[in-house]
Amino acid sequence: MRKVTGAIAVWIGLTAVLASASAAEQRGGSEADYAEIRHFHERSIAKYNAGDIAGAIDDYLPQLRALQLKSVHIKSRDDLAADMQKSFARNAPKIVADIEEMEVNGRGVGAWAYIICRYAFVAVPKDKSKPTPEIADGRYTALLKKTATGWKVLLDIDNGAPGAAPDLIARIRAESAP
């Protein structure tokens, strides 16, 4: 009887640990919330990689803040558009990224979420006489808000963390190869 009781206690404890781990992965949102955020993220990156500045800018709220490693502090969609236009005038930027972690709080319009992502980025010069710079990688965190038209970025912070995405560096090299 004691062995059975002990086995039941271990099973109950293991079940509780697994249930809490599973709940932690959801972190407040439904599968539909997470699928919608993943789709938003993928679509936003595709717009950027296609050079669709207006489309990429539309994924940000007007009161956005963006902080980048090289002390660039962007305070509006106009600032972001100007930064992108300057970059796209000289280069063909490309980013690949994946979401490592997500949390959703609230339901419907007004809900907010954060995503933590790994990325690899390269800006290939349009002037072919200039060398292609090294591919940068790292992590970024974005705070998203649910609007009537879908998720939008309110805060975008590049956390640096060089070396965080060697697999994405390999992927961007493969995708960028002639």
Protein backbone atom coordinates (compact mmCIF):
# COMPACT_ATOMS: atom_id res chain seq x y z
CA MET A 1 0.00 0.00 0.00
CA ARG A 2 2.82 2.39 0.89
CA LYS A 3 4.49 1.87 -2.55
CA VAL A 4 1.18 2.57 -4.32
CA THR A 5 0.57 5.69 -2.22
CA GLY A 6 4.11 6.90 -2.95
CA ALA A 7 3.69 6.25 -6.67
CA ILE A 8 0.38 8.13 -6.66
CA ALA A 9 2.02 11.06 -4.86
CA VAL A 10 4.85 11.14 -7.42
CA TRP A 11 2.33 10.95 -10.29
CA ILE A 12 0.23 13.78 -8.79
CA GLY A 13 3.36 15.90 -8.28
CA LEU A 14 4.60 15.24 -11.82
CA THR A 15 1.16 16.00 -13.25
CA ALA A 16 1.07 19.30 -11.34
CA VAL A 17 4.54 20.28 -12.61
CA LEU A 18 3.65 19.39 -16.21
CA ALA A 19 0.32 21.23 -15.99
CA SER A 20 1.99 24.37 -14.65
CA ALA A 21 4.71 24.20 -17.36
CA SER A 22 2.05 23.84 -20.05
CA ALA A 23 0.09 26.79 -18.64
CA ALA A 24 3.29 28.89 -18.50
CA GLU A 25 3.83 28.32 -22.23
CA GLN A 26 0.41 29.83 -22.92
CA ARG A 27 1.11 32.82 -20.66
CA GLY A 28 -2.35 34.30 -20.77
CA GLY A 29 -3.30 33.99 -24.41
CA SER A 30 -5.22 31.52 -26.50
CA GLU A 31 -3.77 29.53 -29.39
CA ALA A 32 -5.68 31.89 -31.70
CA ASP A 33 -3.93 34.91 -30.08
CA TYR A 34 -0.52 33.34 -30.56
CA ALA A 35 -1.24 32.31 -34.16
CA GLU A 36 -2.42 35.86 -34.93
CA ILE A 37 0.75 37.37 -33.42
CA ARG A 38 3.01 34.93 -35.30
CA HIS A 39 1.20 35.80 -38.55
CA PHE A 40 1.51 39.55 -37.80
CA HIS A 41 5.24 39.14 -37.10
CA GLU A 42 5.89 37.14 -40.29
CA ARG A 43 3.84 39.56 -42.42
CA SER A 44 5.63 42.58 -40.94
CA ILE A 45 9.06 41.11 -41.70
CA ALA A 46 7.96 40.22 -45.24
CA LYS A 47 6.88 43.84 -45.83
CA TYR A 48 10.23 45.13 -44.59
CA ASN A 49 12.22 42.65 -46.69
CA ALA A 50 10.18 43.61 -49.77
CA GLY A 51 11.04 47.30 -49.22
CA ASP A 52 7.38 48.14 -48.47
CA ILE A 53 8.14 51.03 -46.13
CA ALA A 54 4.53 52.26 -45.94
CA GLY A 55 3.30 48.76 -45.13
CA ALA A 56 6.00 48.21 -42.52
CA ILE A 57 5.28 51.60 -40.91
CA ASP A 58 1.57 50.75 -40.73
CA ASP A 59 2.46 47.91 -38.33
CA TYR A 60 3.51 50.50 -35.70
CA LEU A 61 1.30 52.69 -33.52
CA PRO A 62 1.69 56.48 -34.00
CA GLN A 63 3.16 56.89 -30.50
CA LEU A 64 5.80 54.20 -31.05
CA ARG A 65 9.23 54.19 -29.47
CA ALA A 66 12.11 52.23 -30.99
CA LEU A 67 15.49 51.85 -29.34
CA GLN A 68 18.36 50.41 -31.31
CA LEU A 69 21.88 49.42 -30.37
CA LYS A 70 23.62 52.31 -32.08
CA SER A 71 21.83 54.89 -29.90
CA VAL A 72 19.07 55.47 -32.42
CA HIS A 73 15.97 56.51 -30.52
CA ILE A 74 12.95 56.71 -32.78
CA LYS A 75 9.96 58.57 -31.38
CA SER A 76 7.35 58.43 -34.15
CA ARG A 77 6.28 56.63 -37.29
CA ASP A 78 7.66 59.58 -39.29
CA ASP A 79 11.09 59.08 -37.66
CA LEU A 80 10.92 55.36 -38.43
CA ALA A 81 9.89 56.01 -42.05
CA ALA A 82 12.80 58.46 -42.49
CA ASP A 83 15.24 55.94 -40.99
CA MET A 84 13.96 53.18 -43.29
CA GLN A 85 14.01 55.41 -46.38
CA LYS A 86 17.63 56.36 -45.67
CA SER A 87 18.58 52.72 -45.23
CA PHE A 88 16.70 51.50 -48.31
CA ALA A 89 18.20 54.28 -50.47
CA ARG A 90 21.70 52.83 -49.97
CA ASN A 91 21.03 49.17 -49.20
CA ALA A 92 18.78 46.18 -49.65
CA PRO A 93 18.20 45.29 -46.00
CA LYS A 94 17.03 41.80 -45.05
CA ILE A 95 16.02 40.35 -41.73
CA VAL A 96 15.05 36.87 -40.61
CA ALA A 97 13.65 36.37 -37.13
CA ASP A 98 11.83 33.93 -34.93
CA ILE A 99 9.77 34.41 -31.81
CA GLU A 100 11.25 32.82 -28.69
CA GLU A 101 8.66 33.91 -26.17
CA MET A 102 5.21 35.50 -26.13
CA GLU A 103 2.76 36.65 -23.52
CA VAL A 104 -0.73 38.01 -24.13
CA ASN A 105 -2.67 40.00 -21.53
CA GLY A 106 -6.32 40.86 -21.97
CA ARG A 107 -8.79 40.05 -24.70
CA GLY A 108 -9.85 41.89 -27.84
CA VAL A 109 -9.14 45.56 -28.60
CA GLY A 110 -6.88 47.02 -25.93
CA ALA A 111 -5.12 43.72 -25.14
CA TRP A 112 -1.35 43.87 -25.09
CA ALA A 113 1.39 41.33 -25.68
CA TYR A 114 5.13 41.13 -25.72
CA ILE A 115 7.35 39.06 -27.96
CA ILE A 116 11.02 38.28 -27.52
CA CYS A 117 12.69 37.39 -30.80
CA ARG A 118 16.04 36.32 -32.18
CA TYR A 119 17.13 37.88 -35.46
CA ALA A 120 19.79 38.02 -38.13
CA PHE A 121 20.15 41.16 -40.27
CA VAL A 122 22.22 42.25 -43.24
CA ALA A 123 22.13 45.42 -45.33
CA VAL A 124 23.52 44.55 -48.76
CA PRO A 125 24.82 47.74 -50.45
CA LYS A 126 23.11 48.63 -53.71
CA ASP A 127 26.49 49.90 -54.88
CA LYS A 128 28.09 46.57 -55.84
CA SER A 129 31.57 48.09 -55.50
CA LYS A 130 31.06 48.25 -51.72
CA PRO A 131 31.58 45.12 -49.64
CA THR A 132 28.64 43.43 -47.95
CA PRO A 133 28.91 43.94 -44.21
CA GLU A 134 28.90 41.11 -41.73
CA ILE A 135 25.52 39.74 -40.77
CA ALA A 136 24.41 41.03 -37.39
CA ASP A 137 22.35 38.93 -35.01
CA GLY A 138 20.81 39.33 -31.61
CA ARG A 139 17.50 39.69 -29.83
CA TYR A 140 14.71 42.24 -29.75
CA THR A 141 11.66 42.72 -27.62
CA ALA A 142 8.45 44.26 -28.92
CA LEU A 143 5.42 45.40 -26.95
CA LEU A 144 2.29 45.00 -29.04
CA LYS A 145 -1.21 46.43 -28.63
CA LYS A 146 -4.37 44.96 -30.14
CA THR A 147 -6.29 47.55 -32.18
CA ALA A 148 -9.48 47.34 -34.20
CA THR A 149 -7.32 46.50 -37.24
CA GLY A 150 -5.07 43.94 -35.51
CA TRP A 151 -1.81 43.92 -33.58
CA LYS A 152 0.49 46.97 -33.76
CA VAL A 153 3.95 47.64 -32.30
CA LEU A 154 4.13 50.23 -29.53
CA LEU A 155 7.70 49.64 -28.31
CA ASP A 156 10.56 47.99 -30.23
CA ILE A 157 13.83 47.44 -28.35
CA ASP A 158 16.95 45.89 -29.87
CA ASN A 159 18.62 44.07 -26.98
CA GLY A 160 21.79 43.25 -28.84
CA ALA A 161 22.96 39.81 -27.72
CA PRO A 162 25.36 39.15 -30.62
CA GLY A 163 25.75 35.41 -31.18
CA ALA A 164 22.14 34.67 -30.19
CA ALA A 165 21.09 33.37 -33.61
CA PRO A 166 23.80 31.46 -35.49
CA ASP A 167 21.13 29.32 -37.19
CA LEU A 168 19.42 32.47 -38.48
CA ILE A 169 22.76 33.79 -39.78
CA ALA A 170 23.14 30.55 -41.75
CA ARG A 171 19.57 30.92 -43.02
CA ILE A 172 20.04 34.53 -44.16
CA ARG A 173 23.28 33.56 -45.92
CA ALA A 174 21.48 30.74 -47.74
CA GLU A 175 18.55 33.00 -48.68
CA SER A 176 20.88 35.81 -49.83
CA ALA A 177 23.18 33.61 -51.92
CA PRO A 178 23.12 34.30 -55.69
